[in-house]
Amino acid sequence: MNLRCTWNEKMIFTADASGHQVQMDTKSPLGSDSAMTPKQFLVAGVCGCTAMDVVSLLKKFKQPLESLVVDAEATATTGVYPEIYQNIHLVFRAKGRVEPTKLIEAVTLSQTKYCGVSAMVSKAVPITYDIELNDQKIGSGQANFT
């Protein structure tokens, strides 16, 4: 993979990979808070990667998924530099007539075998998760790529 980040005078960077572009910024006073920060993109990458796995696996399992939202909360260190994430907690919120065991299996497989972004990030930051189906908590766990 090749990626290029280009700076403009407002502290906004544009990342370009395979013809797709996204902008990154930072908060005032350095930036104008007009886009996600690089650290936010890191967490977005975890969410996107694992969500794609889960949806793909549920399709393979022939489960009637209606919606999936992955919420993330990342806790950063304070008062020390660089500020880094101490942990990331994901909440998988699924809706539909999905078998609970199949949803748990899909999330577990993503967080132990398939999600390359989680595999890389979890080497530096613990990733924990909860699984909800139709507003009921049905499981929890921690990313573990051994």
Foldseek 3Di string as FASTA:
>chain_A
DDWDWDDDPQQKIWIADPRDIDIAFDPPPNHPPPHHHPQVVLVVLQQVLLVVQLVVQCVVVVFPWDDKDKDKDWDWDPPDPPIDTQAMEIEIETEDPGDLVSSVVSNQCSLAPNRPSNVVCCVPHKYKYWYHYPNHTDDIGTRHHD
